[in-house]
């Protein structure tokens, strides 16, 4: 999966009947989040990503 496919997949998940969030808004938010991560020390950025993935995995269970 490339970055664009990732952004599109996220957009499909967040655009629901209750919350109308378009592809452009989703891509902008994700882009800003990655900019923030890129500005962090690598270890700190990966720690946040790891914790976020762990938190998301709990929601899938």
Protein backbone atom coordinates (compact mmCIF):
# COMPACT_ATOMS: atom_id res chain seq x y z
CA UNK A 1 0.00 0.00 0.00
CA UNK A 2 1.37 3.42 -0.87
CA UNK A 3 0.73 6.67 0.97
CA UNK A 4 -2.09 7.75 -1.32
CA UNK A 5 -3.87 4.41 -0.91
CA UNK A 6 -3.41 4.69 2.85
CA UNK A 7 -4.95 8.18 2.88
CA UNK A 8 -7.86 6.99 0.73
CA UNK A 9 -8.50 3.99 3.00
CA UNK A 10 -8.56 6.26 6.06
CA UNK A 11 -10.94 8.60 4.23
CA UNK A 12 -13.35 5.74 3.52
CA UNK A 13 -13.35 4.80 7.23
CA UNK A 14 -13.94 8.31 8.62
CA UNK A 15 -16.57 9.52 6.15
CA UNK A 16 -19.74 8.11 7.72
CA UNK A 17 -23.41 9.05 7.82
CA UNK A 18 -22.86 10.79 11.17
CA UNK A 19 -19.58 12.50 10.26
CA UNK A 20 -19.01 13.91 6.80
CA UNK A 21 -15.25 14.18 6.36
CA UNK A 22 -14.04 14.30 2.80
CA UNK A 23 -10.89 12.93 1.27
CA UNK A 24 -9.23 16.35 1.07
CA UNK A 25 -9.77 17.08 4.76
CA UNK A 26 -8.57 13.63 5.76
CA UNK A 27 -5.42 13.94 3.66
CA UNK A 28 -4.71 17.39 5.11
CA UNK A 29 -5.07 16.15 8.70
CA UNK A 30 -2.90 13.08 8.06
CA UNK A 31 -0.29 15.21 6.31
CA UNK A 32 -0.11 17.57 9.27
CA UNK A 33 0.14 14.66 11.71
CA UNK A 34 3.06 13.21 9.75
CA UNK A 35 4.75 16.63 9.66
CA UNK A 36 4.55 16.77 13.45
CA UNK A 37 5.97 13.25 13.71
CA UNK A 38 8.76 14.12 11.26
CA UNK A 39 9.81 17.06 13.42
CA UNK A 40 10.15 14.86 16.52
CA UNK A 41 13.18 12.86 17.50
CA UNK A 42 12.89 9.46 15.77
CA UNK A 43 12.56 7.45 18.99
CA UNK A 44 9.78 9.70 20.27
CA UNK A 45 7.90 9.58 16.95
CA UNK A 46 8.09 5.79 16.80
CA UNK A 47 6.99 5.56 20.44
CA UNK A 48 3.87 7.56 19.60
CA UNK A 49 3.20 5.44 16.51
CA UNK A 50 3.66 2.21 18.49
CA UNK A 51 1.34 3.38 21.26
CA UNK A 52 -1.25 4.51 18.71
CA UNK A 53 -1.16 1.15 16.93
CA UNK A 54 -1.50 -0.65 20.26
CA UNK A 55 -4.48 1.54 21.18
CA UNK A 56 -6.10 0.89 17.78
CA UNK A 57 -5.55 -2.86 18.11
CA UNK A 58 -7.51 -2.83 21.38
CA UNK A 59 -10.42 -1.15 19.57
CA UNK A 60 -10.39 -3.90 16.93
CA UNK A 61 -10.76 -6.62 19.57
